[in-house]
Amino acid sequence: MENITILCKFFKVFYDVTCVFSDSNYLTIALYFRGVWKVHMVLLDVVK
């Protein structure tokens, strides 16, 4: 059950970041960096 919770947390963040990327006509470096950083932080949390 814990694995499902971790997977859902990752996919929620990944989905949110993907929505921000797809909604933006002009993807700035700030939006890109923030999104990639969020996914990176979730992955680091999962590894721990």
PDB file of N, CA and C in Angstrom:
ATOM      1  N   MET A   1       0.815  -1.200   0.000  1.00  0.00           N
ATOM      2  CA  MET A   1       0.000   0.000   0.000  1.00  0.00           C
ATOM      3  C   MET A   1       0.859   1.264   0.000  1.00  0.00           C
ATOM      4  N   GLU A   2       1.993   1.206   0.677  1.00  0.00           N
ATOM      5  CA  GLU A   2       2.886   2.363   0.722  1.00  0.00           C
ATOM      6  C   GLU A   2       3.432   2.685  -0.666  1.00  0.00           C
ATOM      7  N   ASN A   3       3.712   1.663  -1.454  1.00  0.00           N
ATOM      8  CA  ASN A   3       4.226   1.886  -2.808  1.00  0.00           C
ATOM      9  C   ASN A   3       3.208   2.620  -3.675  1.00  0.00           C
ATOM     10  N   ILE A   4       1.945   2.308  -3.494  1.00  0.00           N
ATOM     11  CA  ILE A   4       0.901   2.980  -4.273  1.00  0.00           C
ATOM     12  C   ILE A   4       0.813   4.450  -3.881  1.00  0.00           C
ATOM     13  N   THR A   5       0.943   4.744  -2.612  1.00  0.00           N
ATOM     14  CA  THR A   5       0.912   6.126  -2.141  1.00  0.00           C
ATOM     15  C   THR A   5       2.068   6.929  -2.720  1.00  0.00           C
ATOM     16  N   ILE A   6       3.238   6.329  -2.720  1.00  0.00           N
ATOM     17  CA  ILE A   6       4.429   6.996  -3.281  1.00  0.00           C
ATOM     18  C   ILE A   6       4.249   7.228  -4.773  1.00  0.00           C
ATOM     19  N   LEU A   7       3.744   6.236  -5.467  1.00  0.00           N
ATOM     20  CA  LEU A   7       3.539   6.359  -6.909  1.00  0.00           C
ATOM     21  C   LEU A   7       2.508   7.442  -7.225  1.00  0.00           C
ATOM     22  N   CYS A   8       1.428   7.483  -6.464  1.00  0.00           N
ATOM     23  CA  CYS A   8       0.402   8.517  -6.667  1.00  0.00           C
ATOM     24  C   CYS A   8       0.959   9.910  -6.423  1.00  0.00           C
ATOM     25  N   LYS A   9       1.794  10.058  -5.406  1.00  0.00           N
ATOM     26  CA  LYS A   9       2.410  11.352  -5.121  1.00  0.00           C
ATOM     27  C   LYS A   9       3.275  11.802  -6.290  1.00  0.00           C
ATOM     28  N   PHE A  10       4.069  10.883  -6.826  1.00  0.00           N
ATOM     29  CA  PHE A  10       4.921  11.222  -7.960  1.00  0.00           C
ATOM     30  C   PHE A  10       4.085  11.612  -9.174  1.00  0.00           C
ATOM     31  N   PHE A  11       3.073  10.805  -9.498  1.00  0.00           N
ATOM     32  CA  PHE A  11       2.268  11.086 -10.684  1.00  0.00           C
ATOM     33  C   PHE A  11       1.469  12.377 -10.551  1.00  0.00           C
ATOM     34  N   LYS A  12       1.064  12.730  -9.334  1.00  0.00           N
ATOM     35  CA  LYS A  12       0.352  13.997  -9.119  1.00  0.00           C
ATOM     36  C   LYS A  12       1.266  15.172  -9.464  1.00  0.00           C
ATOM     37  N   VAL A  13       2.482  15.149  -8.964  1.00  0.00           N
ATOM     38  CA  VAL A  13       3.439  16.224  -9.261  1.00  0.00           C
ATOM     39  C   VAL A  13       3.780  16.231 -10.749  1.00  0.00           C
ATOM     40  N   PHE A  14       4.023  15.064 -11.315  1.00  0.00           N
ATOM     41  CA  PHE A  14       4.350  14.961 -12.737  1.00  0.00           C
ATOM     42  C   PHE A  14       3.205  15.497 -13.595  1.00  0.00           C
ATOM     43  N   TYR A  15       1.982  15.165 -13.239  1.00  0.00           N
ATOM     44  CA  TYR A  15       0.805  15.650 -13.971  1.00  0.00           C
ATOM     45  C   TYR A  15       0.692  17.169 -13.879  1.00  0.00           C
ATOM     46  N   ASP A  16       0.852  17.711 -12.682  1.00  0.00           N
ATOM     47  CA  ASP A  16       0.766  19.162 -12.491  1.00  0.00           C
ATOM     48  C   ASP A  16       1.816  19.896 -13.309  1.00  0.00           C
ATOM     49  N   VAL A  17       3.034  19.388 -13.308  1.00  0.00           N
ATOM     50  CA  VAL A  17       4.113  20.016 -14.076  1.00  0.00           C
ATOM     51  C   VAL A  17       3.826  19.920 -15.571  1.00  0.00           C
ATOM     52  N   THR A  18       3.342  18.784 -16.008  1.00  0.00           N
ATOM     53  CA  THR A  18       3.007  18.604 -17.429  1.00  0.00           C
ATOM     54  C   THR A  18       1.904  19.564 -17.852  1.00  0.00           C
ATOM     55  N   CYS A  19       0.927  19.789 -16.989  1.00  0.00           N
ATOM     56  CA  CYS A  19      -0.143  20.741 -17.301  1.00  0.00           C
ATOM     57  C   CYS A  19       0.395  22.162 -17.433  1.00  0.00           C
ATOM     58  N   VAL A  20       1.301  22.544 -16.565  1.00  0.00           N
ATOM     59  CA  VAL A  20       1.904  23.878 -16.648  1.00  0.00           C
ATOM     60  C   VAL A  20       2.671  24.019 -17.961  1.00  0.00           C
ATOM     61  N   PHE A  21       3.436  22.985 -18.326  1.00  0.00           N
ATOM     62  CA  PHE A  21       4.202  23.036 -19.566  1.00  0.00           C
ATOM     63  C   PHE A  21       3.287  23.111 -20.779  1.00  0.00           C
ATOM     64  N   SER A  22       2.207  22.361 -20.786  1.00  0.00           N
ATOM     65  CA  SER A  22       1.340  22.313 -21.963  1.00  0.00           C
ATOM     66  C   SER A  22       0.430  23.532 -22.065  1.00  0.00           C
ATOM     67  N   ASP A  23       0.119  24.187 -20.944  1.00  0.00           N
ATOM     68  CA  ASP A  23      -0.740  25.367 -20.967  1.00  0.00           C
ATOM     69  C   ASP A  23      -0.001  26.627 -21.376  1.00  0.00           C
ATOM     70  N   SER A  24       1.304  26.598 -21.298  1.00  0.00           N
ATOM     71  CA  SER A  24       2.084  27.791 -21.565  1.00  0.00           C
ATOM     72  C   SER A  24       2.434  27.892 -23.047  1.00  0.00           C
ATOM     73  N   ASN A  25       2.125  29.041 -23.643  1.00  0.00           N
ATOM     74  CA  ASN A  25       2.523  29.279 -25.036  1.00  0.00           C
ATOM     75  C   ASN A  25       4.013  29.567 -25.133  1.00  0.00           C
ATOM     76  N   TYR A  26       4.534  30.217 -24.113  1.00  0.00           N
ATOM     77  CA  TYR A  26       5.943  30.568 -24.081  1.00  0.00           C
ATOM     78  C   TYR A  26       6.540  30.028 -22.793  1.00  0.00           C
ATOM     79  N   LEU A  27       7.181  28.896 -22.883  1.00  0.00           N
ATOM     80  CA  LEU A  27       7.777  28.252 -21.724  1.00  0.00           C
ATOM     81  C   LEU A  27       9.078  28.962 -21.371  1.00  0.00           C
ATOM     82  N   THR A  28       9.078  29.630 -20.238  1.00  0.00           N
ATOM     83  CA  THR A  28      10.272  30.348 -19.813  1.00  0.00           C
ATOM     84  C   THR A  28      11.173  29.410 -19.012  1.00  0.00           C
ATOM     85  N   ILE A  29      12.397  29.825 -18.847  1.00  0.00           N
ATOM     86  CA  ILE A  29      13.351  29.015 -18.091  1.00  0.00           C
ATOM     87  C   ILE A  29      12.903  28.888 -16.634  1.00  0.00           C
ATOM     88  N   ALA A  30      12.236  29.913 -16.109  1.00  0.00           N
ATOM     89  CA  ALA A  30      11.762  29.852 -14.721  1.00  0.00           C
ATOM     90  C   ALA A  30      10.685  28.781 -14.560  1.00  0.00           C
ATOM     91  N   LEU A  31       9.743  28.724 -15.489  1.00  0.00           N
ATOM     92  CA  LEU A  31       8.707  27.687 -15.432  1.00  0.00           C
ATOM     93  C   LEU A  31       9.315  26.304 -15.617  1.00  0.00           C
ATOM     94  N   TYR A  32      10.224  26.188 -16.563  1.00  0.00           N
ATOM     95  CA  TYR A  32      10.863  24.901 -16.826  1.00  0.00           C
ATOM     96  C   TYR A  32      11.666  24.435 -15.608  1.00  0.00           C
ATOM     97  N   PHE A  33      12.473  25.313 -15.058  1.00  0.00           N
ATOM     98  CA  PHE A  33      13.317  24.943 -13.923  1.00  0.00           C
ATOM     99  C   PHE A  33      12.476  24.557 -12.714  1.00  0.00           C
ATOM    100  N   ARG A  34      11.435  25.332 -12.426  1.00  0.00           N
ATOM    101  CA  ARG A  34      10.571  25.044 -11.287  1.00  0.00           C
ATOM    102  C   ARG A  34       9.904  23.679 -11.445  1.00  0.00           C
ATOM    103  N   GLY A  35       9.431  23.380 -12.646  1.00  0.00           N
ATOM    104  CA  GLY A  35       8.778  22.100 -12.892  1.00  0.00           C
ATOM    105  C   GLY A  35       9.732  20.929 -12.770  1.00  0.00           C
ATOM    106  N   VAL A  36      10.886  21.053 -13.373  1.00  0.00           N
ATOM    107  CA  VAL A  36      11.875  19.974 -13.308  1.00  0.00           C
ATOM    108  C   VAL A  36      12.377  19.808 -11.877  1.00  0.00           C
ATOM    109  N   TRP A  37      12.523  20.906 -11.151  1.00  0.00           N
ATOM    110  CA  TRP A  37      12.966  20.836  -9.766  1.00  0.00           C
ATOM    111  C   TRP A  37      11.948  20.103  -8.896  1.00  0.00           C
ATOM    112  N   LYS A  38      10.655  20.366  -9.112  1.00  0.00           N
ATOM    113  CA  LYS A  38       9.612  19.677  -8.347  1.00  0.00           C
ATOM    114  C   LYS A  38       9.658  18.171  -8.587  1.00  0.00           C
ATOM    115  N   VAL A  39       9.780  17.771  -9.838  1.00  0.00           N
ATOM    116  CA  VAL A  39       9.855  16.340 -10.156  1.00  0.00           C
ATOM    117  C   VAL A  39      11.119  15.745  -9.548  1.00  0.00           C
ATOM    118  N   HIS A  40      12.210  16.459  -9.628  1.00  0.00           N
ATOM    119  CA  HIS A  40      13.475  15.989  -9.059  1.00  0.00           C
ATOM    120  C   HIS A  40      13.354  15.779  -7.549  1.00  0.00           C
ATOM    121  N   MET A  41      12.727  16.728  -6.858  1.00  0.00           N
ATOM    122  CA  MET A  41      12.577  16.620  -5.410  1.00  0.00           C
ATOM    123  C   MET A  41      11.701  15.436  -5.020  1.00  0.00           C
ATOM    124  N   VAL A  42      10.655  15.178  -5.778  1.00  0.00           N
ATOM    125  CA  VAL A  42       9.797  14.020  -5.485  1.00  0.00           C
ATOM    126  C   VAL A  42      10.581  12.735  -5.696  1.00  0.00           C
ATOM    127  N   LEU A  43      11.350  12.676  -6.756  1.00  0.00           N
ATOM    128  CA  LEU A  43      12.164  11.476  -7.006  1.00  0.00           C
ATOM    129  C   LEU A  43      13.195  11.265  -5.900  1.00  0.00           C
ATOM    130  N   LEU A  44      13.821  12.328  -5.427  1.00  0.00           N
ATOM    131  CA  LEU A  44      14.762  12.198  -4.317  1.00  0.00           C
ATOM    132  C   LEU A  44      14.065  11.718  -3.053  1.00  0.00           C
ATOM    133  N   ASP A  45      12.868  12.213  -2.823  1.00  0.00           N
ATOM    134  CA  ASP A  45      12.096  11.787  -1.652  1.00  0.00           C
ATOM    135  C   ASP A  45      11.731  10.307  -1.740  1.00  0.00           C
ATOM    136  N   VAL A  46      11.416   9.840  -2.920  1.00  0.00           N
ATOM    137  CA  VAL A  46      11.044   8.440  -3.129  1.00  0.00           C
ATOM    138  C   VAL A  46      12.256   7.535  -2.899  1.00  0.00           C
ATOM    139  N   VAL A  47      13.420   7.975  -3.309  1.00  0.00           N
ATOM    140  CA  VAL A  47      14.626   7.168  -3.164  1.00  0.00           C
ATOM    141  C   VAL A  47      14.977   6.974  -1.689  1.00  0.00           C
ATOM    142  N   LYS A  48      14.714   7.991  -0.876  1.00  0.00           N
ATOM    143  CA  LYS A  48      15.014   7.886   0.561  1.00  0.00           C
ATOM    144  C   LYS A  48      14.121   6.857   1.127  1.00  0.00           C
TER     145      LYS A  48
END
